[in-house]
């Protein structure tokens, strides 16, 4: 390759006629100042991202009197400082009850009111909904032994247990031990329900 070729120079070098424009020198924005504005200064709270261009003398004077919070009340300044801690984003306390009143989502209907799994229902709606207890097979057998179904609550279970024990106990039957096996089953079933915290 010939490095002294005219073609090589034309490809690798910018023609002499094209000059790179230099940075535009802006004048100082202070009224009556003709110096170059080499230093940027922010315009203010409501004009973020916009800057004045000042000379060194006027940027020093501007910075000495600049107040970002000028025109704001003490409460507004305190609120701004508090929000600045989290970057002006909404936050909630850890472990707070977000379904309680006062939170932004309290009255919102998720997905246009469709909540098939009941995830977005609040505590009052869950309490008002009819509770259908779900029992394991062991508890279902114990309830069947007592002659109850899965809709029985603790009061019904206790009442049925007391009534059956009184009826089957040998002391109530004049010492007859023929129903002793059935009594053991009833006591075992009740203890099973008690260990499952259903009584």
Protein backbone atom coordinates (compact mmCIF):
# COMPACT_ATOMS: atom_id res chain seq x y z
CA UNK A 1 0.00 0.00 0.00
CA UNK A 2 1.30 3.39 -0.97
CA UNK A 3 0.83 5.75 1.99
CA UNK A 4 1.79 8.74 -0.16
CA UNK A 5 -1.09 8.25 -2.57
CA UNK A 6 -3.46 11.14 -3.28
CA UNK A 7 -6.45 8.79 -2.90
CA UNK A 8 -5.34 7.75 0.57
CA UNK A 9 -5.12 11.41 1.68
CA UNK A 10 -8.55 12.19 0.29
CA UNK A 11 -10.16 9.29 2.14
CA UNK A 12 -8.42 9.74 5.48
CA UNK A 13 -8.32 13.50 5.83
CA UNK A 14 -10.99 16.12 5.96
CA UNK A 15 -10.73 18.56 3.12
CA UNK A 16 -9.17 21.85 4.12
CA UNK A 17 -12.27 23.82 3.14
CA UNK A 18 -14.41 22.16 5.86
CA UNK A 19 -13.72 23.69 9.21
CA UNK A 20 -15.16 22.49 12.46
CA UNK A 21 -17.27 25.24 13.94
CA UNK A 22 -16.05 26.33 17.38
CA UNK A 23 -18.31 26.55 20.40
CA UNK A 24 -20.67 29.46 20.20
CA UNK A 25 -19.74 32.06 22.77
CA UNK A 26 -22.84 33.27 24.52
CA UNK A 27 -22.99 36.66 26.12
CA UNK A 28 -23.67 37.17 29.80
CA UNK A 29 -27.41 37.25 30.58
CA UNK A 30 -27.01 40.01 33.13
CA UNK A 31 -28.52 43.25 31.76
CA UNK A 32 -25.90 45.62 30.41
CA UNK A 33 -23.00 43.12 30.57
CA UNK A 34 -21.09 42.47 27.32
CA UNK A 35 -18.73 39.79 28.72
CA UNK A 36 -18.85 36.16 27.63
CA UNK A 37 -21.30 34.02 29.61
CA UNK A 38 -19.09 31.05 30.39
CA UNK A 39 -20.81 29.92 33.61
CA UNK A 40 -24.23 28.35 33.90
CA UNK A 41 -26.67 29.13 36.71
CA UNK A 42 -30.09 27.49 37.26
CA UNK A 43 -33.13 29.59 36.43
CA UNK A 44 -35.27 28.49 39.38
CA UNK A 45 -37.66 25.99 40.93
CA UNK A 46 -40.31 25.96 38.21
CA UNK A 47 -37.79 25.97 35.36
CA UNK A 48 -35.64 22.90 36.04
CA UNK A 49 -33.14 22.09 33.31
CA UNK A 50 -32.96 25.72 32.12
CA UNK A 51 -29.91 27.87 32.83
CA UNK A 52 -28.68 31.43 32.63
CA UNK A 53 -25.23 32.11 31.22
CA UNK A 54 -23.22 34.56 33.29
CA UNK A 55 -19.71 35.88 33.42
CA UNK A 56 -17.69 35.02 36.53
CA UNK A 57 -18.53 38.26 38.34
CA UNK A 58 -22.28 37.98 37.77
CA UNK A 59 -22.51 34.23 38.46
CA UNK A 60 -20.94 34.87 41.87
CA UNK A 61 -23.49 37.57 42.60
CA UNK A 62 -26.36 35.37 41.37
CA UNK A 63 -25.25 32.39 43.46
CA UNK A 64 -24.96 34.56 46.58
CA UNK A 65 -28.63 35.56 46.32
CA UNK A 66 -30.11 32.38 44.79
CA UNK A 67 -32.84 30.69 46.85
CA UNK A 68 -34.56 27.63 45.39
CA UNK A 69 -37.37 27.84 47.97
CA UNK A 70 -38.18 31.53 47.46
CA UNK A 71 -41.94 32.12 47.57
CA UNK A 72 -42.74 28.83 49.35
CA UNK A 73 -44.35 28.67 52.79
CA UNK A 74 -42.59 26.93 55.69
CA UNK A 75 -45.03 24.00 55.46
CA UNK A 76 -44.37 23.63 51.72
CA UNK A 77 -40.59 23.66 52.30
CA UNK A 78 -40.91 21.03 55.06
CA UNK A 79 -43.11 18.85 52.81
CA UNK A 80 -40.63 19.20 49.93
CA UNK A 81 -37.72 18.21 52.19
CA UNK A 82 -39.62 15.18 53.49
CA UNK A 83 -40.48 14.07 49.95
CA UNK A 84 -36.88 14.61 48.86
CA UNK A 85 -35.75 11.83 51.21
CA UNK A 86 -37.46 9.25 48.98
CA UNK A 87 -36.88 11.04 45.70
CA UNK A 88 -40.41 12.54 45.51
CA UNK A 89 -41.97 9.08 44.99
CA UNK A 90 -45.04 7.86 46.93
CA UNK A 91 -44.17 5.34 49.63
CA UNK A 92 -45.97 3.38 52.35
CA UNK A 93 -44.83 2.19 55.74
CA UNK A 94 -43.64 -1.38 56.02
CA UNK A 95 -46.30 -3.68 57.42
CA UNK A 96 -49.06 -1.11 57.18
CA UNK A 97 -52.63 -2.15 56.49
CA UNK A 98 -53.02 -0.95 52.94
CA UNK A 99 -56.70 -1.86 52.84
CA UNK A 100 -57.49 0.48 55.72
CA UNK A 101 -58.92 3.94 55.11
CA UNK A 102 -56.45 6.61 54.14
CA UNK A 103 -54.54 4.63 51.54
CA UNK A 104 -54.90 5.46 47.93
CA UNK A 105 -56.05 1.99 46.89
CA UNK A 106 -58.79 1.77 49.53
CA UNK A 107 -61.70 2.45 47.19
CA UNK A 108 -60.18 1.36 43.90
CA UNK A 109 -61.77 -1.51 42.02
CA UNK A 110 -59.01 -3.69 40.54
CA UNK A 111 -59.35 -4.80 36.94
CA UNK A 112 -62.61 -2.92 36.51
CA UNK A 113 -64.27 -4.65 39.47
CA UNK A 114 -63.25 -8.19 38.50
CA UNK A 115 -61.52 -10.04 41.34
CA UNK A 116 -62.20 -13.77 40.89
CA UNK A 117 -59.67 -14.92 43.50
CA UNK A 118 -60.64 -12.37 46.15
CA UNK A 119 -57.11 -10.99 46.35
CA UNK A 120 -58.11 -7.34 46.37
CA UNK A 121 -61.04 -7.61 48.77
CA UNK A 122 -60.57 -5.72 51.99
CA UNK A 123 -60.87 -7.12 55.50
CA UNK A 124 -64.53 -6.10 55.97
CA UNK A 125 -65.54 -7.86 52.76
CA UNK A 126 -63.69 -11.00 53.84
CA UNK A 127 -65.45 -10.96 57.22
CA UNK A 128 -68.87 -10.52 55.57
CA UNK A 129 -68.29 -13.42 53.18
CA UNK A 130 -69.74 -16.72 54.41
CA UNK A 131 -67.01 -18.93 55.82
CA UNK A 132 -66.96 -22.50 54.68
CA UNK A 133 -64.38 -24.37 56.75
CA UNK A 134 -62.24 -26.85 54.95
CA UNK A 135 -61.21 -29.87 56.96
CA UNK A 136 -58.71 -32.61 56.35
CA UNK A 137 -59.82 -36.22 56.01
CA UNK A 138 -58.97 -36.94 59.65
CA UNK A 139 -61.20 -34.11 60.89
CA UNK A 140 -64.00 -35.14 58.50
CA UNK A 141 -63.92 -38.69 59.92
CA UNK A 142 -63.99 -37.31 63.48
CA UNK A 143 -67.01 -35.14 62.65
CA UNK A 144 -68.75 -38.14 61.06
CA UNK A 145 -68.10 -40.17 64.22
CA UNK A 146 -69.87 -37.46 66.21
CA UNK A 147 -72.68 -37.43 63.64
CA UNK A 148 -71.89 -33.93 62.32
CA UNK A 149 -71.06 -32.50 58.93
CA UNK A 150 -68.40 -29.94 57.91
CA UNK A 151 -70.69 -26.98 58.65
CA UNK A 152 -70.58 -27.66 62.42
CA UNK A 153 -68.91 -24.99 64.55
CA UNK A 154 -67.14 -25.34 67.92
CA UNK A 155 -70.35 -24.88 69.92
CA UNK A 156 -72.18 -27.65 68.02
CA UNK A 157 -69.19 -30.00 68.35
CA UNK A 158 -68.99 -29.48 72.14
CA UNK A 159 -72.73 -29.90 72.58
CA UNK A 160 -72.81 -33.12 70.55
CA UNK A 161 -69.77 -34.49 72.44
CA UNK A 162 -71.31 -33.83 75.87
CA UNK A 163 -74.65 -35.29 74.88
CA UNK A 164 -73.09 -38.48 73.41
CA UNK A 165 -70.72 -39.04 76.35
CA UNK A 166 -73.59 -38.68 78.83
CA UNK A 167 -75.67 -41.15 76.84
CA UNK A 168 -72.91 -43.77 76.33
CA UNK A 169 -71.06 -43.55 79.67
CA UNK A 170 -71.36 -46.79 81.76
CA UNK A 171 -72.37 -44.82 84.86
CA UNK A 172 -75.40 -43.47 83.00
CA UNK A 173 -76.33 -47.00 81.82
CA UNK A 174 -76.24 -48.72 85.19
CA UNK A 175 -72.70 -50.08 84.72
CA UNK A 176 -73.40 -51.56 81.25
CA UNK A 177 -70.06 -51.66 79.34
CA UNK A 178 -71.50 -52.70 75.97
CA UNK A 179 -71.15 -49.19 74.51
CA UNK A 180 -67.62 -48.63 75.86
CA UNK A 181 -65.97 -49.06 72.42
CA UNK A 182 -68.30 -46.49 70.90
CA UNK A 183 -67.50 -44.13 73.81
CA UNK A 184 -63.75 -44.52 73.13
CA UNK A 185 -64.33 -43.63 69.47
CA UNK A 186 -66.29 -40.51 70.48
CA UNK A 187 -63.56 -39.38 72.91
CA UNK A 188 -60.86 -40.06 70.30
CA UNK A 189 -62.80 -38.09 67.65
CA UNK A 190 -63.28 -35.15 70.05
CA UNK A 191 -59.56 -35.14 70.94
CA UNK A 192 -58.75 -35.18 67.23
CA UNK A 193 -60.95 -32.11 66.65
CA UNK A 194 -59.45 -30.45 69.73
CA UNK A 195 -55.89 -30.98 68.45
CA UNK A 196 -56.95 -29.48 65.11
CA UNK A 197 -58.15 -26.40 67.07
CA UNK A 198 -61.71 -26.78 65.89
CA UNK A 199 -63.02 -26.82 69.47
